[in-house]
Structure formats: C-alpha cells, structure tokens
Amino acid sequence: MPRLPSLSSYGATWSATRRIAVVAAVAAVLLAAAVIIALLTRSDTGHQPPETVAPAPADSPSSTTTVPKPSSTTGPVPAPPQISDPVTYAKAAARMLWSYDTRTTSRDQQLAFMRAWMTKESAYQDWSSVAGQVPDPVLWLRMADQDQHATANTPEGHYPGAFKQALAENPSAITEAYIYAVTVNGEQRITWKGGGGAEDRAVTLAVQCRPSHDCTLAAVAPNVTQ
C-alpha cells in the first residue's frame, strides 16, 4: 500500500493565497526592520529590543487553532537544544519538523512537542506556520493505521542571499527582533507497513537568537528556499 502524505509534504496543497502569505512572511524577515509586523501580523507587546548589535554568524557547513502547552516529555520529537547559533539551531529544528512516529505519538502530543521549540515572545511567534506542518486528525489516524514514522538528517544550512544582503545593507536592523532566516537542506527517511523510502527536503525557517540566549523557532516558510 503506498504511504500516506508525510508531515513534511503536508502543506503542498495549500491555496495560492496561503502560499503568497508564506512568501510574504519570509520576505518580511529578510527586510528585518519590519520583520514582526509583516511576519506575524500581531500587535506589539511593548518589548524593548536590546541595544547591542549582533552581526549574523558565518554560515555553517554543508492547521490547528488550538495551541498546546509545551511538553518536557521525550518522544520522537526531541527537546529543544541549547544552541545560540542560528544555522545550527535551524538544522536541529528542521530535523524536529521532519521527525515523527504515529505508532507511539498522538497528534496532540506531536503538537505539544513542537510547541516547546517556539519563541515565548508572542509578538514574534507564528505558531500556525509550525502547526500547519502536522496533518489534520483524520489523516494522522490514517498514517497511524500504517505505522508511519520518520527520521531525518540535515547536513546543510545557510543564510539565504536576500537575508545576507539585507543585513549587510542595514546591520543594526537585526536588533529589532534578532530573527534570522535560515535555509536547511536534508533528507527524510519514512517507513510504513511493508515499505519505506527517503526523500530530499528543504525549508527556510525564521529563528530568534537574542544575545546571551538560546535560539528558538519563530516561523516556518516551506516555499522559500533560496
């Protein structure tokens, strides 16, 4: 029996309007100065950004409306790592997004595990873009019927050219939210009853890495991978 759609392919059938919205969101990240207004369309929380300017580190080698509470329980989705480098964190976050096990984890548990990776600054958090990577409850159960599960590796991550150019033109703009756009390339290994296979994956993530703090995930933009 052919496998059902995977977590990482969920969203491929999004409407044109939603795809445009996703692209616009990442474009806002690349513009840096207006990152939060365009990315999340949320009101300002009154947070005062620090004055320190943190240049972007060098590149590393190569839906639901319910917001679950973060979970500290271990499972197929690893706990968020204590990493301060945007590219390294984005690679770990991509592995998290591409890993799941419907044999042992419910959809709600999967969302809770993923929620723990998110920034706690609500003005900068686009939870819907992350939760949107998880299939609806009916499809999750169909995947569970086939014991579908997946793991991933992410050997390569880099800053998109547009982000580096925007940062070079206005280095101090990053201090508005310390949100970095990072494109990650990797491979997802999927297994189901009677079969399995591997697929190449690529995704651009918005990660928040404030000075002297561990990075967190702000948003997912699956259609922007330059």
Protein backbone atom coordinates (compact mmCIF):
# COMPACT_ATOMS: atom_id res chain seq x y z
CA MET A 1 0.00 0.00 0.00
CA PRO A 2 1.50 3.38 -0.88
CA ARG A 3 2.33 5.63 2.04
CA LEU A 4 0.09 8.47 3.06
CA PRO A 5 1.25 12.09 2.84
CA SER A 6 4.09 12.80 5.26
CA LEU A 7 4.35 15.67 7.70
CA SER A 8 6.83 17.49 5.50
CA SER A 9 4.67 17.21 2.40
CA TYR A 10 1.61 18.46 4.24
CA GLY A 11 1.05 21.99 3.01
CA ALA A 12 1.94 21.20 -0.58
CA THR A 13 -1.73 21.58 -1.42
CA TRP A 14 -2.09 24.97 0.23
CA SER A 15 -4.09 27.54 -1.68
CA ALA A 16 -2.33 30.18 -3.73
CA THR A 17 -3.41 32.77 -1.19
CA ARG A 18 -1.74 30.92 1.64
CA ARG A 19 1.43 30.34 -0.38
CA ILE A 20 1.61 34.06 -1.12
CA ALA A 21 1.15 34.78 2.57
CA VAL A 22 4.02 32.45 3.47
CA VAL A 23 6.33 34.04 0.92
CA ALA A 24 5.37 37.49 2.16
CA ALA A 25 6.13 36.40 5.70
CA VAL A 26 9.67 35.39 4.89
CA ALA A 27 10.17 38.48 2.78
CA ALA A 28 9.33 40.43 5.91
CA VAL A 29 12.03 38.55 7.78
CA LEU A 30 14.51 39.45 5.08
CA LEU A 31 13.55 43.10 5.34
CA ALA A 32 14.42 42.84 9.04
CA ALA A 33 13.21 46.27 10.10
CA ALA A 34 9.55 45.32 9.56
CA VAL A 35 10.01 41.63 10.33
CA ILE A 36 7.43 41.27 13.06
CA ILE A 37 4.61 43.33 11.57
CA ALA A 38 4.67 41.53 8.23
CA LEU A 39 5.64 38.09 9.56
CA LEU A 40 3.09 37.65 12.26
CA THR A 41 0.55 40.49 11.90
CA ARG A 42 0.36 40.64 15.65
CA SER A 43 0.28 43.69 17.89
CA ASP A 44 3.42 44.97 19.59
CA THR A 45 3.88 43.62 23.12
CA GLY A 46 5.91 46.57 24.31
CA HIS A 47 9.15 44.59 24.37
CA GLN A 48 12.16 46.87 24.13
CA PRO A 49 14.88 45.39 21.92
CA PRO A 50 18.41 45.41 23.33
CA GLU A 51 20.85 48.00 22.08
CA THR A 52 23.60 45.50 21.34
CA VAL A 53 24.15 44.83 17.64
CA ALA A 54 24.74 41.15 16.88
CA PRO A 55 26.01 40.51 13.34
CA ALA A 56 24.86 37.26 11.77
CA PRO A 57 27.34 34.41 12.36
CA ALA A 58 29.13 32.85 9.41
CA ASP A 59 27.20 30.18 7.51
CA SER A 60 27.55 26.67 8.87
CA PRO A 61 28.61 23.81 6.58
CA SER A 62 27.16 21.98 4.43
CA SER A 63 -3.66 23.57 10.97
CA THR A 64 -4.89 24.00 14.03
CA THR A 65 -6.24 26.86 16.13
CA THR A 66 -5.51 25.02 19.39
CA VAL A 67 -2.18 25.93 20.95
CA PRO A 68 -0.99 23.05 23.14
CA LYS A 69 1.19 23.64 26.15
CA PRO A 70 4.92 22.89 25.73
CA SER A 71 5.85 19.36 26.70
CA SER A 72 9.01 18.30 28.51
CA THR A 73 8.34 14.62 27.81
CA THR A 74 10.77 12.90 25.50
CA GLY A 75 9.38 11.35 22.33
CA PRO A 76 10.00 11.17 18.58
CA VAL A 77 10.32 14.96 18.60
CA PRO A 78 13.48 15.83 20.56
CA ALA A 79 13.53 18.51 23.22
CA PRO A 80 14.78 21.90 22.01
CA PRO A 81 18.58 22.10 22.23
CA GLN A 82 20.54 24.84 23.97
CA ILE A 83 22.11 26.40 20.88
CA SER A 84 22.96 30.07 20.28
CA ASP A 85 23.99 29.80 16.61
CA PRO A 86 21.07 30.41 14.19
CA VAL A 87 22.20 27.97 11.48
CA THR A 88 22.96 25.14 13.90
CA TYR A 89 19.63 25.64 15.64
CA ALA A 90 17.72 25.79 12.35
CA LYS A 91 19.25 22.47 11.29
CA ALA A 92 18.13 20.90 14.56
CA ALA A 93 14.67 22.44 14.18
CA ALA A 94 14.33 21.06 10.65
CA ARG A 95 15.18 17.58 11.94
CA MET A 96 12.47 18.06 14.55
CA LEU A 97 9.89 19.10 11.95
CA TRP A 98 10.70 16.12 9.74
CA SER A 99 10.60 13.51 12.55
CA TYR A 100 7.50 11.79 13.90
CA ASP A 101 6.18 8.38 14.95
CA THR A 102 2.44 7.81 14.64
CA ARG A 103 2.86 4.39 16.30
CA THR A 104 3.60 5.91 19.70
CA THR A 105 2.58 9.56 19.47
CA SER A 106 -0.82 11.16 19.13
CA ARG A 107 -1.35 14.26 17.02
CA ASP A 108 -1.85 16.39 20.13
CA GLN A 109 1.38 15.07 21.61
CA GLN A 110 3.22 15.84 18.38
CA LEU A 111 1.97 19.43 18.50
CA ALA A 112 2.96 19.77 22.16
CA PHE A 113 6.49 18.53 21.44
CA MET A 114 6.80 21.01 18.58
CA ARG A 115 5.34 23.86 20.65
CA ALA A 116 8.24 23.59 23.09
CA TRP A 117 10.61 24.79 20.36
CA MET A 118 8.78 28.08 19.82
CA THR A 119 9.88 31.51 20.99
CA LYS A 120 7.99 32.64 24.08
CA GLU A 121 7.76 36.19 22.71
CA SER A 122 4.21 36.14 21.37
CA ALA A 123 4.72 39.16 19.12
CA TYR A 124 7.35 37.24 17.17
CA GLN A 125 5.77 33.80 17.15
CA ASP A 126 3.94 32.35 14.12
CA TRP A 127 2.70 29.12 15.66
CA SER A 128 0.22 28.48 12.87
CA SER A 129 3.03 28.09 10.32
CA VAL A 130 4.59 25.38 12.50
CA ALA A 131 1.37 23.64 13.50
CA GLY A 132 0.39 23.66 9.83
CA GLN A 133 3.11 21.08 9.17
CA VAL A 134 1.01 18.48 11.03
CA PRO A 135 -1.81 16.70 9.15
CA ASP A 136 -5.39 17.02 10.31
CA PRO A 137 -6.66 14.48 12.89
CA VAL A 138 -8.24 12.16 10.32
CA LEU A 139 -5.10 11.95 8.19
CA TRP A 140 -2.93 11.42 11.27
CA LEU A 141 -5.06 8.42 12.21
CA ARG A 142 -4.75 7.03 8.68
CA MET A 143 -0.98 7.39 8.94
CA ALA A 144 -1.09 5.64 12.32
CA ASP A 145 -3.02 2.75 10.76
CA GLN A 146 0.01 2.22 8.53
CA ASP A 147 2.53 2.64 11.39
CA GLN A 148 4.08 5.54 9.53
CA HIS A 149 7.13 7.13 11.14
CA ALA A 150 10.09 9.20 10.00
CA THR A 151 13.54 10.42 10.96
CA ALA A 152 15.75 12.99 9.26
CA ASN A 153 19.25 14.33 8.85
CA THR A 154 20.14 17.91 7.96
CA PRO A 155 23.77 18.20 6.81
CA GLU A 156 23.47 21.68 5.28
CA GLY A 157 22.16 25.05 6.37
CA HIS A 158 22.81 28.60 5.19
CA TYR A 159 21.50 32.15 5.22
CA PRO A 160 19.55 32.95 2.03
CA GLY A 161 21.25 35.51 -0.19
CA ALA A 162 18.46 38.05 0.23
CA PHE A 163 18.79 37.90 4.02
CA LYS A 164 22.56 38.39 3.91
CA GLN A 165 22.17 41.31 1.52
CA ALA A 166 19.52 42.98 3.68
CA LEU A 167 21.68 42.52 6.78
CA ALA A 168 24.75 43.91 5.03
CA GLU A 169 22.81 46.98 3.96
CA ASN A 170 21.45 47.63 7.45
CA PRO A 171 23.32 45.61 10.11
CA SER A 172 21.56 47.26 13.05
CA ALA A 173 18.11 46.22 11.79
CA ILE A 174 18.60 42.73 13.23
CA THR A 175 18.29 44.17 16.75
CA GLU A 176 14.56 44.72 16.20
CA ALA A 177 13.87 41.07 16.96
CA TYR A 178 17.13 39.12 16.37
CA ILE A 179 15.30 36.90 13.90
CA TYR A 180 17.41 35.14 11.28
CA ALA A 181 16.23 33.43 8.08
CA VAL A 182 17.99 30.09 7.55
CA THR A 183 17.51 27.63 4.72
CA VAL A 184 18.10 23.98 5.62
CA ASN A 185 18.61 21.07 3.22
CA GLY A 186 18.38 17.46 4.31
CA GLU A 187 16.84 14.05 3.88
CA GLN A 188 13.78 12.50 5.49
CA ARG A 189 13.57 8.73 5.90
CA ILE A 190 9.97 7.49 6.03
CA THR A 191 8.79 3.99 6.96
CA TRP A 192 5.31 2.46 6.86
CA LYS A 193 3.82 -1.04 6.83
CA GLY A 194 5.50 -3.00 4.08
CA GLY A 195 7.61 -0.15 2.74
CA GLY A 196 9.75 2.89 3.19
CA GLY A 197 11.99 5.34 1.42
CA ALA A 198 13.96 8.56 1.62
CA GLU A 199 13.15 12.00 0.23
CA ASP A 200 15.17 15.19 -0.07
CA ARG A 201 13.83 18.11 1.95
CA ALA A 202 14.44 21.86 2.02
CA VAL A 203 12.85 24.52 4.19
CA THR A 204 13.51 28.08 5.30
CA LEU A 205 12.99 28.78 8.98
CA ALA A 206 12.87 32.01 10.96
CA VAL A 207 14.77 31.53 14.21
CA GLN A 208 15.17 34.01 17.04
CA CYS A 209 18.60 34.17 18.67
CA ARG A 210 18.89 37.05 21.10
CA PRO A 211 22.35 37.77 22.58
CA SER A 212 23.19 35.56 25.58
CA HIS A 213 20.07 33.45 24.98
CA ASP A 214 19.44 30.10 23.32
CA CYS A 215 17.77 30.21 19.92
CA THR A 216 14.09 29.45 19.46
CA LEU A 217 11.84 28.84 16.46
CA ALA A 218 9.69 31.74 15.23
CA ALA A 219 8.17 30.50 11.96
CA VAL A 220 8.27 28.05 9.05
CA ALA A 221 8.25 29.17 5.43
CA PRO A 222 8.39 25.96 3.35
CA ASN A 223 8.20 27.62 -0.08
CA VAL A 224 11.21 29.92 0.26
CA THR A 225 14.50 28.03 -0.05
CA GLN A 226 16.92 30.25 -1.92
